[in-house]
Amino acid sequence: MNTVVGHRRRGIIGLLILDYWVMFIARTGISMCGPALMHQFGWSATQFGWVSTAFFIGYAITMLPAGALADRFGGGFILLAGTLWWSIFTFLTPFGSTLGLMMALRILVGVGQGLLVPANFSLLANWIPKNESGKATGLLQIGCPAGIAVSMLLAAAIIQRWGWPAVFYSFALLGPLWCLIWWRWGNNRPESDTRIGPAELHYIQAGQEGKHPTGSDSELSKKDIFSTPAVWACALGYFCTNYLFFLFMTWLPTYFAMGRGIDLKQSAIFSMLPYLVAIPAYPLGGVVADYASAHFGQNVGRKISPIAGLLLAGLFLVLGTRAGSLWTGGGLICASNFFLCFTMASHFSIPMVFSQKNTGVIVGLNGMFGTVAGIFAPVFSGLIIDLSGHYEYALYLGAGIAIVGASILSLAQIKPIEKKWRSDDDIALHS
């Protein structure tokens, strides 16, 4: 990023990274609690899969409306409301004494966290020029693997010392702390921020201007957006990416503990390593996306990272599950997750190419598709494990879906959306 003109946008990105970090610490805690919950309540793999899936049902509900609200009113309020909401219901999670009650509580946690992703990227679109979109989205998402890795390590230690309910009580406190930080130092838009210098403000605004074939970015209607085939192709590609991502997040600790037959402490280490390895993958994928877009155009450049990443993620996962050695298998699964996370910056910078002013809506659509994948992945995996008795079969399915996602993305045309439809306001204005 250009530091000559100022660094206020870096501060905003830092706050959003912290938001992602806190969000994923809280979200992932239940994955490490899986063996303890299955033992205490006598749940099968399928039943625990439903508990994991319940979160994503709530997550899906708020994704699309959150993007539209953030684009219109600013993402800061959405972030604060969503964070306080998920914190309350994370704290209440240990009171889920039955399968139905636990699922209801996890749905409510998901409702709050579903507000955050579209709001984050809507805010980011306000604060960065297009030529920095890949790097910025990659940096923002560092909080994801970092949060998952920290969550797995902390949760294992907390479970062994105080029991699984303490995981949710302690992780719930992180949300309100982040809200206080954002309230003090965050801002929705650079033009209303008193800490930004005029040179940096000019740099951001100049870098957001783009030439659209017909009409300006702000004149696009929802019909223009949702009638564009590439928007749906990218949403489907993100579905495939997230299927594997959430398969890892919800089942990897249990796979290592029960599928590979190791204890909780070893499982935490082997489950954490893929996310530590993935931390540099997010910004690296963004750098590659920005560089490739500058040299090959947006259509080719934005697709290189996700297509290559999904193909390699699928390949290394198959090799990892077939490896006889625990360390070899763990290393190959680390490589799989690295290349999976390498795709993410492109997935989230592509909406800014489609429409800078409507980034929240498009990210919300992607997020809704990705969340549906989060609903399917834990349950399908649990069913496959219960029916076959083999954890690796669930991972094979995830690898295959990742490869399908690469094929879908290769068909998408990444370019600014053209205005094709006139809204009622346009008709009234010109009549």
Protein backbone atom coordinates (compact mmCIF):
# COMPACT_ATOMS: atom_id res chain seq x y z
CA MET A 1 0.00 0.00 0.00
CA ASN A 2 1.12 3.54 -0.75
CA THR A 3 2.31 4.98 2.57
CA VAL A 4 3.42 8.36 1.19
CA VAL A 5 -0.11 9.73 1.25
CA GLY A 6 -0.93 8.48 4.76
CA HIS A 7 -1.81 5.40 6.72
CA ARG A 8 -5.27 5.98 8.21
CA ARG A 9 -6.81 3.32 5.93
CA ARG A 10 -4.28 0.88 7.37
CA GLY A 11 -5.64 1.61 10.83
CA ILE A 12 -9.17 0.82 9.67
CA ILE A 13 -7.95 -2.43 8.08
CA GLY A 14 -6.26 -3.27 11.39
CA LEU A 15 -9.54 -2.82 13.27
CA LEU A 16 -11.34 -5.05 10.75
CA ILE A 17 -8.62 -7.72 11.05
CA LEU A 18 -9.17 -7.63 14.81
CA ASP A 19 -12.93 -8.01 14.25
CA TYR A 20 -12.35 -11.09 12.08
CA TRP A 21 -9.92 -12.50 14.65
CA VAL A 22 -12.39 -12.16 17.53
CA MET A 23 -15.27 -13.46 15.42
CA PHE A 24 -13.44 -16.64 14.42
CA ILE A 25 -12.10 -17.32 17.91
CA ALA A 26 -15.69 -17.33 19.19
CA ARG A 27 -17.06 -19.24 16.19
CA THR A 28 -14.53 -22.08 16.27
CA GLY A 29 -14.70 -22.89 19.97
CA ILE A 30 -17.49 -25.42 19.47
CA SER A 31 -15.33 -27.45 17.06
CA MET A 32 -12.83 -28.22 19.82
CA CYS A 33 -15.73 -29.01 22.16
CA GLY A 34 -17.07 -31.64 19.72
CA PRO A 35 -15.62 -34.78 21.38
CA ALA A 36 -16.63 -33.54 24.86
CA LEU A 37 -20.19 -32.71 23.73
CA MET A 38 -20.58 -36.04 21.93
CA HIS A 39 -19.39 -37.87 25.05
CA GLN A 40 -21.49 -35.91 27.58
CA PHE A 41 -24.76 -35.91 25.63
CA GLY A 42 -24.30 -39.19 23.77
CA TRP A 43 -24.61 -37.52 20.38
CA SER A 44 -23.69 -39.32 17.17
CA ALA A 45 -21.51 -37.72 14.50
CA THR A 46 -24.68 -36.78 12.60
CA GLN A 47 -26.18 -35.08 15.66
CA PHE A 48 -23.02 -33.08 16.31
CA GLY A 49 -23.06 -32.20 12.61
CA TRP A 50 -26.52 -30.69 13.11
CA VAL A 51 -25.25 -28.62 16.05
CA SER A 52 -22.40 -27.32 13.87
CA THR A 53 -24.79 -26.66 11.00
CA ALA A 54 -27.26 -24.73 13.18
CA PHE A 55 -24.81 -21.81 13.37
CA PHE A 56 -24.83 -21.48 9.59
CA ILE A 57 -28.62 -21.47 9.39
CA GLY A 58 -28.61 -18.25 11.42
CA TYR A 59 -25.58 -17.00 9.50
CA ALA A 60 -27.43 -17.35 6.18
CA ILE A 61 -30.46 -15.39 7.36
CA THR A 62 -28.64 -12.08 7.86
CA MET A 63 -25.95 -12.18 5.13
CA LEU A 64 -27.82 -10.52 2.25
CA PRO A 65 -29.79 -7.88 4.23
CA ALA A 66 -26.62 -6.98 6.17
CA GLY A 67 -24.80 -6.14 2.91
CA ALA A 68 -27.62 -3.90 1.68
CA LEU A 69 -27.91 -2.11 5.03
CA ALA A 70 -24.15 -1.60 5.28
CA ASP A 71 -23.96 -0.15 1.74
CA ARG A 72 -26.75 2.28 2.53
CA PHE A 73 -26.11 3.30 6.14
CA GLY A 74 -22.47 2.38 6.78
CA GLY A 75 -21.00 -0.79 8.17
CA GLY A 76 -19.94 0.45 11.61
CA PHE A 77 -23.36 0.27 13.24
CA ILE A 78 -23.97 -3.17 11.69
CA LEU A 79 -20.65 -4.42 13.10
CA LEU A 80 -21.44 -3.17 16.60
CA ALA A 81 -24.97 -4.60 16.65
CA GLY A 82 -23.88 -7.97 15.24
CA THR A 83 -20.92 -8.31 17.61
CA LEU A 84 -22.96 -7.59 20.73
CA TRP A 85 -25.66 -10.02 19.56
CA TRP A 86 -23.30 -12.97 18.96
CA SER A 87 -21.50 -12.27 22.24
CA ILE A 88 -24.70 -12.60 24.25
CA PHE A 89 -25.71 -15.91 22.66
CA THR A 90 -22.19 -17.33 22.76
CA PHE A 91 -22.26 -16.75 26.52
CA LEU A 92 -25.62 -18.56 26.72
CA THR A 93 -24.48 -21.57 24.63
CA PRO A 94 -23.60 -23.84 27.62
CA PHE A 95 -27.27 -23.64 28.67
CA GLY A 96 -28.14 -25.75 25.59
CA SER A 97 -28.89 -28.88 27.60
CA THR A 98 -30.77 -30.65 24.78
CA LEU A 99 -30.01 -31.07 21.09
CA GLY A 100 -32.87 -28.76 20.07
CA LEU A 101 -31.96 -26.03 22.56
CA MET A 102 -28.29 -26.18 21.62
CA MET A 103 -29.21 -25.85 17.93
CA ALA A 104 -31.46 -22.86 18.69
CA LEU A 105 -28.68 -21.09 20.57
CA ARG A 106 -26.17 -21.75 17.77
CA ILE A 107 -28.65 -20.38 15.21
CA LEU A 108 -28.86 -17.16 17.24
CA VAL A 109 -25.06 -16.91 17.42
CA GLY A 110 -25.01 -17.28 13.63
CA VAL A 111 -27.59 -14.51 13.18
CA GLY A 112 -25.21 -12.06 14.85
CA GLN A 113 -22.06 -13.20 13.05
CA GLY A 114 -23.85 -13.21 9.69
CA LEU A 115 -24.08 -9.42 9.92
CA LEU A 116 -20.33 -8.97 10.11
CA VAL A 117 -18.79 -10.23 6.85
CA PRO A 118 -20.80 -8.04 4.41
CA ALA A 119 -20.40 -5.05 6.75
CA ASN A 120 -16.63 -5.56 6.90
CA PHE A 121 -16.23 -5.59 3.14
CA SER A 122 -18.68 -2.75 2.58
CA LEU A 123 -16.55 -0.68 4.98
CA LEU A 124 -13.37 -1.81 3.26
CA ALA A 125 -14.72 -0.76 -0.15
CA ASN A 126 -15.22 2.77 1.24
CA TRP A 127 -11.65 2.95 2.50
CA ILE A 128 -9.43 1.57 -0.28
CA PRO A 129 -8.72 2.32 -3.96
CA LYS A 130 -9.37 -0.52 -6.40
CA ASN A 131 -5.69 -1.15 -7.08
CA GLU A 132 -5.27 -2.17 -3.40
CA SER A 133 -8.43 -4.31 -3.17
CA GLY A 134 -6.68 -7.69 -3.35
CA LYS A 135 -4.03 -6.83 -0.77
CA ALA A 136 -6.57 -5.21 1.54
CA THR A 137 -9.06 -8.09 1.42
CA GLY A 138 -6.21 -10.54 1.94
CA LEU A 139 -4.94 -8.63 4.96
CA LEU A 140 -8.40 -8.30 6.47
CA GLN A 141 -8.91 -12.06 6.35
CA ILE A 142 -5.68 -12.82 8.24
CA GLY A 143 -7.93 -12.63 11.28
CA CYS A 144 -9.73 -15.76 10.10
CA PRO A 145 -6.95 -18.41 10.28
CA ALA A 146 -5.30 -16.58 13.18
CA GLY A 147 -8.58 -16.67 15.10
CA ILE A 148 -9.20 -20.35 14.32
CA ALA A 149 -5.65 -21.33 15.35
CA VAL A 150 -5.84 -19.38 18.62
CA SER A 151 -9.31 -20.73 19.32
CA MET A 152 -8.23 -24.34 18.93
CA LEU A 153 -5.22 -23.92 21.18
CA LEU A 154 -7.03 -21.90 23.87
CA ALA A 155 -10.17 -24.04 23.79
CA ALA A 156 -8.18 -27.24 24.31
CA ALA A 157 -6.42 -25.72 27.33
CA ILE A 158 -9.67 -24.33 28.77
CA ILE A 159 -11.51 -27.65 28.33
CA GLN A 160 -8.77 -29.57 30.13
CA ARG A 161 -8.62 -27.09 33.01
CA TRP A 162 -12.21 -25.84 33.49
CA GLY A 163 -14.44 -27.89 31.17
CA TRP A 164 -16.11 -27.11 27.86
CA PRO A 165 -18.69 -24.51 29.12
CA ALA A 166 -15.84 -22.16 30.10
CA VAL A 167 -14.84 -21.93 26.42
CA PHE A 168 -18.06 -20.09 25.59
CA TYR A 169 -18.09 -17.92 28.72
CA SER A 170 -14.55 -16.64 28.07
CA PHE A 171 -14.81 -16.22 24.29
CA ALA A 172 -18.04 -14.23 24.62
CA LEU A 173 -16.18 -11.43 26.44
CA LEU A 174 -14.03 -10.65 23.39
CA GLY A 175 -16.93 -9.14 21.42
CA PRO A 176 -17.75 -6.23 23.75
CA LEU A 177 -14.03 -5.41 24.04
CA TRP A 178 -13.79 -5.07 20.25
CA CYS A 179 -16.91 -2.86 20.21
CA LEU A 180 -15.25 -0.43 22.61
CA ILE A 181 -12.17 -0.28 20.36
CA TRP A 182 -14.23 0.39 17.22
CA TRP A 183 -16.36 3.00 19.00
CA ARG A 184 -13.16 4.90 19.85
CA TRP A 185 -11.15 4.57 16.64
CA GLY A 186 -13.42 3.33 13.82
CA ASN A 187 -15.25 5.28 11.13
CA ASN A 188 -17.59 4.37 8.26
CA ARG A 189 -16.11 6.61 5.56
CA PRO A 190 -12.85 8.47 4.96
CA GLU A 191 -14.61 11.72 4.02
CA SER A 192 -16.15 11.94 7.50
CA ASP A 193 -12.98 10.95 9.37
CA THR A 194 -11.08 13.67 11.23
CA ARG A 195 -7.86 11.61 11.43
CA ILE A 196 -7.27 11.28 7.69
CA GLY A 197 -5.09 13.73 5.78
CA PRO A 198 -6.24 15.43 2.54
CA ALA A 199 -3.60 13.63 0.43
CA GLU A 200 -4.74 10.20 1.57
CA LEU A 201 -8.40 11.12 1.13
CA HIS A 202 -7.71 12.27 -2.44
CA TYR A 203 -5.70 9.09 -3.14
CA ILE A 204 -8.57 6.85 -1.96
CA GLN A 205 -11.27 8.72 -3.83
CA ALA A 206 -9.27 8.94 -7.06
CA GLY A 207 -8.53 5.22 -6.91
CA GLN A 208 -12.22 4.37 -6.53
CA GLU A 209 -13.30 6.13 -9.70
CA GLY A 210 -13.89 3.73 -12.55
CA LYS A 211 -15.25 3.88 -16.05
CA HIS A 212 -18.41 1.88 -16.54
CA PRO A 213 -19.72 0.97 -19.99
CA THR A 214 -23.20 2.36 -19.43
CA GLY A 215 -24.04 4.54 -16.49
CA SER A 216 -22.22 5.09 -13.24
CA ASP A 217 -21.60 2.58 -10.49
CA SER A 218 -24.08 4.30 -8.17
CA GLU A 219 -26.86 4.03 -10.78
CA LEU A 220 -26.86 0.24 -10.88
CA SER A 221 -30.09 -1.35 -9.73
CA LYS A 222 -30.41 -4.62 -7.84
CA LYS A 223 -31.86 -6.08 -11.04
CA ASP A 224 -28.67 -5.10 -12.91
CA ILE A 225 -26.62 -6.93 -10.29
CA PHE A 226 -28.73 -10.05 -9.95
CA SER A 227 -29.23 -10.50 -13.70
CA THR A 228 -25.47 -10.71 -14.30
CA PRO A 229 -24.46 -14.39 -14.80
CA ALA A 230 -20.90 -13.83 -13.55
CA VAL A 231 -22.23 -12.69 -10.16
CA TRP A 232 -23.98 -16.05 -9.73
CA ALA A 233 -21.01 -18.02 -11.08
CA CYS A 234 -18.75 -16.39 -8.48
CA ALA A 235 -21.30 -17.07 -5.75
CA LEU A 236 -21.35 -20.76 -6.76
CA GLY A 237 -17.55 -20.81 -6.81
CA TYR A 238 -17.55 -19.39 -3.30
CA PHE A 239 -20.06 -22.07 -2.24
CA CYS A 240 -17.57 -24.73 -3.33
CA THR A 241 -14.70 -22.98 -1.56
CA ASN A 242 -16.64 -22.62 1.65
CA TYR A 243 -17.83 -26.21 1.64
CA LEU A 244 -14.24 -27.32 2.10
CA PHE A 245 -13.42 -24.38 4.42
CA PHE A 246 -16.25 -25.19 6.84
CA LEU A 247 -15.63 -28.91 6.56
CA PHE A 248 -12.13 -28.20 7.87
CA MET A 249 -13.33 -25.80 10.55
CA THR A 250 -16.07 -28.04 11.98
CA TRP A 251 -14.61 -31.53 11.52
CA LEU A 252 -10.81 -31.28 11.46
CA PRO A 253 -10.35 -31.52 15.26
CA THR A 254 -12.71 -34.51 15.43
CA TYR A 255 -11.06 -36.09 12.37
CA PHE A 256 -7.65 -35.98 14.04
CA ALA A 257 -8.98 -37.03 17.47
CA MET A 258 -11.30 -39.86 16.36
CA GLY A 259 -10.33 -40.58 12.76
CA ARG A 260 -6.59 -40.63 13.45
CA GLY A 261 -6.91 -41.81 17.06
CA ILE A 262 -4.90 -39.13 18.90
CA ASP A 263 -5.60 -37.34 22.18
CA LEU A 264 -7.15 -33.87 22.62
CA LYS A 265 -3.83 -32.06 23.03
CA GLN A 266 -2.33 -33.61 19.89
CA SER A 267 -5.59 -33.00 18.03
CA ALA A 268 -5.47 -29.30 18.94
CA ILE A 269 -1.91 -29.02 17.59
CA PHE A 270 -2.65 -30.84 14.34
CA SER A 271 -5.90 -28.88 13.87
CA MET A 272 -4.16 -25.57 14.58
CA LEU A 273 -1.21 -26.04 12.20
CA PRO A 274 -3.23 -25.75 8.94
CA TYR A 275 -4.45 -22.34 10.08
CA LEU A 276 -1.03 -21.08 11.13
CA VAL A 277 0.27 -22.12 7.71
CA ALA A 278 -2.69 -20.35 6.07
CA ILE A 279 -2.04 -16.93 7.66
CA PRO A 280 0.34 -15.75 4.88
CA ALA A 281 -1.89 -17.35 2.22
CA TYR A 282 -4.55 -14.63 2.51
CA PRO A 283 -2.35 -11.59 1.77
CA LEU A 284 -0.24 -13.58 -0.72
CA GLY A 285 -3.37 -14.46 -2.67
CA GLY A 286 -4.33 -10.78 -2.66
CA VAL A 287 -0.91 -9.66 -3.90
CA VAL A 288 -1.06 -12.24 -6.71
CA ALA A 289 -4.60 -11.11 -7.62
CA ASP A 290 -3.63 -7.41 -7.79
CA TYR A 291 -0.43 -8.15 -9.74
CA ALA A 292 -2.15 -10.50 -12.18
CA SER A 293 -5.03 -8.05 -12.70
CA ALA A 294 -2.59 -5.26 -13.52
CA HIS A 295 -0.79 -7.43 -16.08
CA PHE A 296 -3.55 -9.64 -17.53
CA GLY A 297 -6.73 -7.63 -16.86
CA GLN A 298 -9.39 -8.10 -14.22
CA ASN A 299 -11.08 -11.07 -15.90
CA VAL A 300 -7.99 -13.29 -16.03
CA GLY A 301 -6.09 -11.79 -13.11
CA ARG A 302 -8.81 -12.11 -10.47
CA LYS A 303 -9.43 -15.77 -11.39
CA ILE A 304 -5.85 -17.08 -11.29
CA SER A 305 -5.68 -17.34 -7.49
CA PRO A 306 -9.04 -19.06 -6.89
CA ILE A 307 -8.81 -21.52 -9.78
CA ALA A 308 -5.25 -22.62 -9.00
CA GLY A 309 -5.91 -22.58 -5.27
CA LEU A 310 -9.02 -24.78 -5.42
CA LEU A 311 -7.38 -27.33 -7.70
CA LEU A 312 -4.33 -27.63 -5.45
CA ALA A 313 -6.45 -27.67 -2.27
CA GLY A 314 -8.42 -30.63 -3.60
CA LEU A 315 -5.31 -32.50 -4.73
CA PHE A 316 -3.39 -32.10 -1.46
CA LEU A 317 -6.42 -33.05 0.63
CA VAL A 318 -6.82 -36.34 -1.22
CA LEU A 319 -3.11 -37.06 -0.79
CA GLY A 320 -3.25 -36.09 2.89
CA THR A 321 -6.15 -38.37 3.75
CA ARG A 322 -4.44 -41.30 2.00
CA ALA A 323 -1.11 -40.78 3.78
CA GLY A 324 -0.31 -43.50 6.29
CA SER A 325 1.92 -41.32 8.45
CA LEU A 326 0.17 -38.87 10.78
CA TRP A 327 2.81 -36.20 10.19
CA THR A 328 2.77 -36.64 6.41
CA GLY A 329 -1.01 -36.51 6.36
CA GLY A 330 -1.02 -33.45 8.60
CA GLY A 331 1.53 -31.71 6.39
CA LEU A 332 -0.46 -32.37 3.23
CA ILE A 333 -3.66 -31.15 4.88
CA CYS A 334 -1.75 -27.99 5.87
CA ALA A 335 -0.86 -27.53 2.19
CA SER A 336 -4.50 -28.08 1.21
CA ASN A 337 -5.72 -25.41 3.63
CA PHE A 338 -2.95 -23.02 2.52
CA PHE A 339 -4.10 -23.16 -1.10
CA LEU A 340 -7.76 -23.00 -0.09
CA CYS A 341 -7.13 -19.79 1.87
CA PHE A 342 -4.99 -18.47 -1.01
CA THR A 343 -8.26 -18.11 -2.96
CA MET A 344 -10.06 -15.89 -0.46
CA ALA A 345 -8.67 -12.45 -1.35
CA SER A 346 -9.84 -12.87 -4.94
CA HIS A 347 -13.28 -14.04 -3.85
CA PHE A 348 -13.73 -10.85 -1.84
CA SER A 349 -12.02 -8.42 -4.23
CA ILE A 350 -14.09 -9.54 -7.25
CA PRO A 351 -17.27 -7.84 -5.88
CA MET A 352 -15.36 -4.54 -5.86
CA VAL A 353 -14.66 -5.04 -9.58
CA PHE A 354 -18.31 -5.77 -10.26
CA SER A 355 -19.45 -2.63 -8.38
CA GLN A 356 -17.58 -0.59 -5.78
CA LYS A 357 -20.78 1.02 -4.49
CA ASN A 358 -22.65 -2.27 -4.19
CA THR A 359 -19.86 -4.38 -2.68
CA GLY A 360 -21.83 -5.18 0.47
CA VAL A 361 -24.78 -6.59 -1.48
CA ILE A 362 -22.58 -8.77 -3.70
CA VAL A 363 -20.47 -9.96 -0.76
CA GLY A 364 -23.76 -10.69 1.03
CA LEU A 365 -24.89 -12.87 -1.88
CA ASN A 366 -21.55 -14.70 -1.90
CA GLY A 367 -21.76 -15.05 1.85
CA MET A 368 -25.26 -16.48 1.65
CA PHE A 369 -24.07 -19.13 -0.83
CA GLY A 370 -20.99 -19.78 1.29
CA THR A 371 -23.16 -20.12 4.37
CA VAL A 372 -25.41 -22.66 2.65
CA ALA A 373 -22.20 -24.61 2.11
CA GLY A 374 -21.56 -24.24 5.83
CA ILE A 375 -24.99 -25.73 6.48
CA PHE A 376 -24.39 -28.71 4.21
CA ALA A 377 -20.74 -29.49 5.02
CA PRO A 378 -21.05 -30.48 8.71
CA VAL A 379 -24.25 -32.51 8.22
CA PHE A 380 -23.19 -34.31 5.03
CA SER A 381 -19.85 -35.07 6.64
CA GLY A 382 -21.52 -36.49 9.75
CA LEU A 383 -23.86 -38.65 7.64
CA ILE A 384 -20.97 -39.96 5.53
CA ILE A 385 -18.97 -40.79 8.67
CA ASP A 386 -21.91 -42.55 10.37
CA LEU A 387 -22.87 -44.53 7.26
CA SER A 388 -19.37 -45.51 6.14
CA GLY A 389 -17.39 -45.48 9.36
CA HIS A 390 -14.60 -43.65 7.50
CA TYR A 391 -13.71 -40.01 8.22
CA GLU A 392 -11.62 -39.76 5.05
CA TYR A 393 -14.68 -40.26 2.80
CA ALA A 394 -16.10 -36.94 4.03
CA LEU A 395 -12.81 -35.25 3.15
CA TYR A 396 -12.80 -36.81 -0.33
CA LEU A 397 -16.18 -35.21 -1.00
CA GLY A 398 -14.83 -31.81 0.09
CA ALA A 399 -11.86 -32.19 -2.27
CA GLY A 400 -14.17 -33.02 -5.19
CA ILE A 401 -16.41 -30.02 -4.53
CA ALA A 402 -13.34 -27.73 -4.47
CA ILE A 403 -12.32 -28.95 -7.91
CA VAL A 404 -15.85 -28.35 -9.23
CA GLY A 405 -15.61 -24.78 -7.88
CA ALA A 406 -12.47 -24.14 -9.95
CA SER A 407 -14.34 -25.24 -13.07
CA ILE A 408 -17.28 -22.92 -12.35
CA LEU A 409 -15.05 -19.89 -11.74
CA SER A 410 -13.24 -20.43 -15.03
CA LEU A 411 -16.51 -19.60 -16.83
CA ALA A 412 -17.17 -16.26 -15.06
CA GLN A 413 -16.46 -12.93 -16.78
CA ILE A 414 -14.98 -10.53 -14.22
CA LYS A 415 -15.72 -6.96 -15.29
CA PRO A 416 -17.79 -3.98 -14.07
CA ILE A 417 -21.52 -4.67 -14.22
CA GLU A 418 -23.31 -2.82 -16.99
CA LYS A 419 -26.55 -0.94 -16.38
CA LYS A 420 -29.20 -2.84 -18.30
CA TRP A 421 -32.43 -2.07 -16.49
CA ARG A 422 -34.13 1.23 -15.69
CA SER A 423 -35.62 1.52 -12.22
CA ASP A 424 -39.00 3.14 -11.49
CA ASP A 425 -37.14 6.28 -10.34
CA ASP A 426 -35.23 6.43 -13.63
CA ILE A 427 -38.47 6.11 -15.63
CA ALA A 428 -40.15 8.83 -13.57
CA LEU A 429 -37.13 11.12 -13.95
CA HIS A 430 -37.04 10.81 -17.74
CA SER A 431 -40.79 10.86 -18.38
